[in-house]
C-alpha atoms as a PDB file:
ATOM      1  CA  MET A   1      61.440  33.864 118.110  1.00  0.00           C
ATOM      2  CA  LYS A   2      62.138  31.421 120.944  1.00  0.00           C
ATOM      3  CA  ALA A   3      58.882  29.558 120.209  1.00  0.00           C
ATOM      4  CA  TRP A   4      59.957  29.041 116.590  1.00  0.00           C
ATOM      5  CA  LYS A   5      63.288  27.603 117.678  1.00  0.00           C
ATOM      6  CA  LEU A   6      61.522  25.199 120.045  1.00  0.00           C
ATOM      7  CA  LEU A   7      59.082  24.194 117.322  1.00  0.00           C
ATOM      8  CA  ILE A   8      61.887  23.568 114.838  1.00  0.00           C
ATOM      9  CA  ALA A   9      63.905  21.628 117.419  1.00  0.00           C
ATOM     10  CA  GLY A  10      60.846  19.520 118.262  1.00  0.00           C
ATOM     11  CA  LEU A  11      60.098  18.779 114.624  1.00  0.00           C
ATOM     12  CA  THR A  12      63.728  17.882 113.988  1.00  0.00           C
ATOM     13  CA  ALA A  13      63.762  15.481 116.940  1.00  0.00           C
ATOM     14  CA  GLU A  14      60.495  13.909 115.808  1.00  0.00           C
ATOM     15  CA  THR A  15      61.844  13.451 112.286  1.00  0.00           C
ATOM     16  CA  LEU A  16      64.987  11.800 113.631  1.00  0.00           C
ATOM     17  CA  LEU A  17      62.975   9.472 115.866  1.00  0.00           C
ATOM     18  CA  LEU A  18      60.666   8.508 113.009  1.00  0.00           C
ATOM     19  CA  GLY A  19      63.709   7.829 110.848  1.00  0.00           C
ATOM     20  CA  LEU A  20      65.218   5.605 113.537  1.00  0.00           C
ATOM     21  CA  ALA A  21      61.926   3.729 113.954  1.00  0.00           C
ATOM     22  CA  ALA A  22      61.635   3.209 110.191  1.00  0.00           C
ATOM     23  CA  SER A  23      65.225   2.001 110.094  1.00  0.00           C
ATOM     24  CA  ALA A  24      64.541  -0.445 112.937  1.00  0.00           C
ATOM     25  CA  ASP A  25      61.397  -1.682 111.152  1.00  0.00           C
ATOM     26  CA  THR A  26      63.364  -2.166 107.934  1.00  0.00           C
ATOM     27  CA  ALA A  27      66.081  -4.074 109.795  1.00  0.00           C
ATOM     28  CA  GLN A  28      63.453  -6.287 111.457  1.00  0.00           C
ATOM     29  CA  ILE A  29      61.788  -7.006 108.103  1.00  0.00           C
ATOM     30  CA  GLU A  30      65.136  -7.848 106.495  1.00  0.00           C
ATOM     31  CA  LYS A  31      65.981 -10.170 109.391  1.00  0.00           C
ATOM     32  CA  GLY A  32      62.592 -11.854 108.967  1.00  0.00           C
ATOM     33  CA  LYS A  33      63.106 -12.223 105.223  1.00  0.00           C
ATOM     34  CA  ASP A  34      66.486 -13.866 105.829  1.00  0.00           C
ATOM     35  CA  LEU A  35      65.079 -16.198 108.503  1.00  0.00           C
ATOM     36  CA  PHE A  36      62.195 -17.142 106.224  1.00  0.00           C
ATOM     37  CA  ALA A  37      64.604 -17.943 103.387  1.00  0.00           C
ATOM     38  CA  ARG A  38      66.766 -20.115 105.620  1.00  0.00           C
ATOM     39  CA  ARG A  39      64.139 -21.806 107.777  1.00  0.00           C
ATOM     40  CA  CYS A  40      60.746 -21.786 106.053  1.00  0.00           C
ATOM     41  CA  THR A  41      61.195 -22.140 102.300  1.00  0.00           C
ATOM     42  CA  GLY A  42      61.454 -25.913 102.475  1.00  0.00           C
ATOM     43  CA  CYS A  43      57.666 -25.927 102.873  1.00  0.00           C
ATOM     44  CA  HIS A  44      56.476 -22.372 102.084  1.00  0.00           C
ATOM     45  CA  ALA A  45      56.813 -19.761  99.350  1.00  0.00           C
ATOM     46  CA  THR A  46      55.399 -16.281  99.082  1.00  0.00           C
ATOM     47  CA  ASP A  47      53.368 -16.726  95.906  1.00  0.00           C
ATOM     48  CA  THR A  48      52.937 -20.455  95.294  1.00  0.00           C
ATOM     49  CA  ASN A  49      51.589 -23.313  97.349  1.00  0.00           C
ATOM     50  CA  LYS A  50      54.147 -25.937  98.284  1.00  0.00           C
ATOM     51  CA  GLU A  51      53.964 -28.366 101.196  1.00  0.00           C
ATOM     52  CA  GLY A  52      52.461 -25.370 103.015  1.00  0.00           C
ATOM     53  CA  PRO A  53      50.236 -22.610 101.634  1.00  0.00           C
ATOM     54  CA  ARG A  54      51.558 -19.474  99.948  1.00  0.00           C
ATOM     55  CA  LEU A  55      52.153 -16.752 102.502  1.00  0.00           C
ATOM     56  CA  ARG A  56      51.828 -13.451 100.646  1.00  0.00           C
ATOM     57  CA  GLY A  57      48.875 -11.699 102.259  1.00  0.00           C
ATOM     58  CA  VAL A  58      48.718 -14.109 105.202  1.00  0.00           C
ATOM     59  CA  PHE A  59      48.581 -11.234 107.697  1.00  0.00           C
ATOM     60  CA  GLY A  60      44.888 -10.517 108.221  1.00  0.00           C
ATOM     61  CA  ARG A  61      43.794 -13.597 106.280  1.00  0.00           C
ATOM     62  CA  LYS A  62      41.410 -16.126 107.782  1.00  0.00           C
ATOM     63  CA  ALA A  63      43.101 -19.322 108.959  1.00  0.00           C
ATOM     64  CA  ALA A  64      42.961 -21.973 106.217  1.00  0.00           C
ATOM     65  CA  GLY A  65      42.025 -19.168 103.842  1.00  0.00           C
ATOM     66  CA  VAL A  66      43.787 -20.196 100.628  1.00  0.00           C
ATOM     67  CA  SER A  67      40.933 -22.005  98.897  1.00  0.00           C
ATOM     68  CA  GLU A  68      43.107 -24.137  96.613  1.00  0.00           C
ATOM     69  CA  PHE A  69      45.321 -25.467  99.416  1.00  0.00           C
ATOM     70  CA  GLY A  70      44.576 -28.737 101.232  1.00  0.00           C
ATOM     71  CA  TYR A  71      44.708 -27.800 104.913  1.00  0.00           C
ATOM     72  CA  SER A  72      44.519 -30.286 107.782  1.00  0.00           C
ATOM     73  CA  ASP A  73      41.094 -30.685 109.367  1.00  0.00           C
ATOM     74  CA  SER A  74      42.368 -29.161 112.618  1.00  0.00           C
ATOM     75  CA  LEU A  75      43.473 -25.990 110.847  1.00  0.00           C
ATOM     76  CA  LYS A  76      40.194 -25.748 108.938  1.00  0.00           C
ATOM     77  CA  LYS A  77      38.377 -25.699 112.295  1.00  0.00           C
ATOM     78  CA  LEU A  78      40.216 -22.594 113.528  1.00  0.00           C
ATOM     79  CA  THR A  79      38.036 -19.499 113.483  1.00  0.00           C
ATOM     80  CA  LEU A  80      40.616 -16.752 113.537  1.00  0.00           C
ATOM     81  CA  ARG A  81      42.526 -14.331 111.396  1.00  0.00           C
ATOM     82  CA  TRP A  82      46.299 -14.216 111.296  1.00  0.00           C
ATOM     83  CA  ASP A  83      47.420 -11.220 113.347  1.00  0.00           C
ATOM     84  CA  ASP A  84      50.556 -10.626 115.423  1.00  0.00           C
ATOM     85  CA  ALA A  85      49.312 -12.605 118.428  1.00  0.00           C
ATOM     86  CA  ASN A  86      47.934 -15.548 116.442  1.00  0.00           C
ATOM     87  CA  LEU A  87      51.006 -15.820 114.221  1.00  0.00           C
ATOM     88  CA  ASP A  88      53.257 -15.691 117.281  1.00  0.00           C
ATOM     89  CA  ARG A  89      51.236 -18.419 118.967  1.00  0.00           C
ATOM     90  CA  TRP A  90      51.227 -20.508 115.767  1.00  0.00           C
ATOM     91  CA  LEU A  91      54.975 -20.214 115.204  1.00  0.00           C
ATOM     92  CA  THR A  92      55.586 -21.055 118.874  1.00  0.00           C
ATOM     93  CA  ASP A  93      53.526 -24.262 118.882  1.00  0.00           C
ATOM     94  CA  PRO A  94      51.426 -25.148 115.827  1.00  0.00           C
ATOM     95  CA  ASP A  95      50.228 -28.441 117.308  1.00  0.00           C
ATOM     96  CA  GLY A  96      49.196 -26.712 120.525  1.00  0.00           C
ATOM     97  CA  MET A  97      47.038 -24.327 118.520  1.00  0.00           C
ATOM     98  CA  ALA A  98      45.612 -26.877 116.072  1.00  0.00           C
ATOM     99  CA  PRO A  99      46.230 -30.425 117.357  1.00  0.00           C
ATOM    100  CA  GLY A 100      47.004 -32.773 114.506  1.00  0.00           C
ATOM    101  CA  THR A 101      48.102 -30.029 112.128  1.00  0.00           C
ATOM    102  CA  ASP A 102      50.526 -30.941 109.382  1.00  0.00           C
ATOM    103  CA  MET A 103      52.975 -28.204 110.399  1.00  0.00           C
ATOM    104  CA  VAL A 104      55.548 -29.478 112.859  1.00  0.00           C
ATOM    105  CA  PHE A 105      58.158 -26.696 112.553  1.00  0.00           C
ATOM    106  CA  LYS A 106      58.496 -24.227 115.453  1.00  0.00           C
ATOM    107  CA  LEU A 107      60.398 -20.986 115.883  1.00  0.00           C
ATOM    108  CA  ASN A 108      61.467 -21.090 119.520  1.00  0.00           C
ATOM    109  CA  ALA A 109      63.225 -17.715 119.739  1.00  0.00           C
ATOM    110  CA  PRO A 110      60.797 -14.802 120.347  1.00  0.00           C
ATOM    111  CA  ASP A 111      63.004 -12.358 118.408  1.00  0.00           C
ATOM    112  CA  GLU A 112      62.996 -14.674 115.381  1.00  0.00           C
ATOM    113  CA  ARG A 113      59.201 -15.001 115.508  1.00  0.00           C
ATOM    114  CA  LYS A 114      58.867 -11.227 115.740  1.00  0.00           C
ATOM    115  CA  ALA A 115      61.134 -10.746 112.718  1.00  0.00           C
ATOM    116  CA  VAL A 116      59.361 -13.355 110.578  1.00  0.00           C
ATOM    117  CA  ILE A 117      55.987 -11.854 111.500  1.00  0.00           C
ATOM    118  CA  ALA A 118      57.244  -8.368 110.561  1.00  0.00           C
ATOM    119  CA  TRP A 119      58.320  -9.725 107.182  1.00  0.00           C
ATOM    120  CA  LEU A 120      55.003 -11.554 106.653  1.00  0.00           C
ATOM    121  CA  LYS A 121      53.162  -8.311 107.452  1.00  0.00           C
ATOM    122  CA  SER A 122      55.181  -6.552 104.755  1.00  0.00           C
ATOM    123  CA  LEU A 123      53.962  -8.998 102.091  1.00  0.00           C
ATOM    124  CA  VAL A 124      50.783  -7.347 100.903  1.00  0.00           C
ATOM    125  CA  ALA A 125      48.241  -9.427  99.015  1.00  0.00           C
ATOM    126  CA  GLN A 126      48.291  -9.140  95.234  1.00  0.00           C
END
């Protein structure tokens, strides 16, 4: 009987922790969505190319991977896929990653970069 109580208590704690983690993830994604709307939509959209390429599905995509967008030569030369580390580096210093790139905007605050990246990850390709 005692083993069952421990098992139930453990499962309850795990469920609560998973719920808290999911809630934190949702909050991070919402923060990223808000930051994107306020700071990035002048040049980017999720589903259409603007001054910058569309960003739905960017996570995991090859750099300069939207075939109908006119990327800078420096960005075309990058041989990487957009993952957490590469997006963080890019948002920190685009010109440092691809000298001569057309993107001049930077997100200096690490927590803002993390939130925007979480939101970009949530945008699955269509």
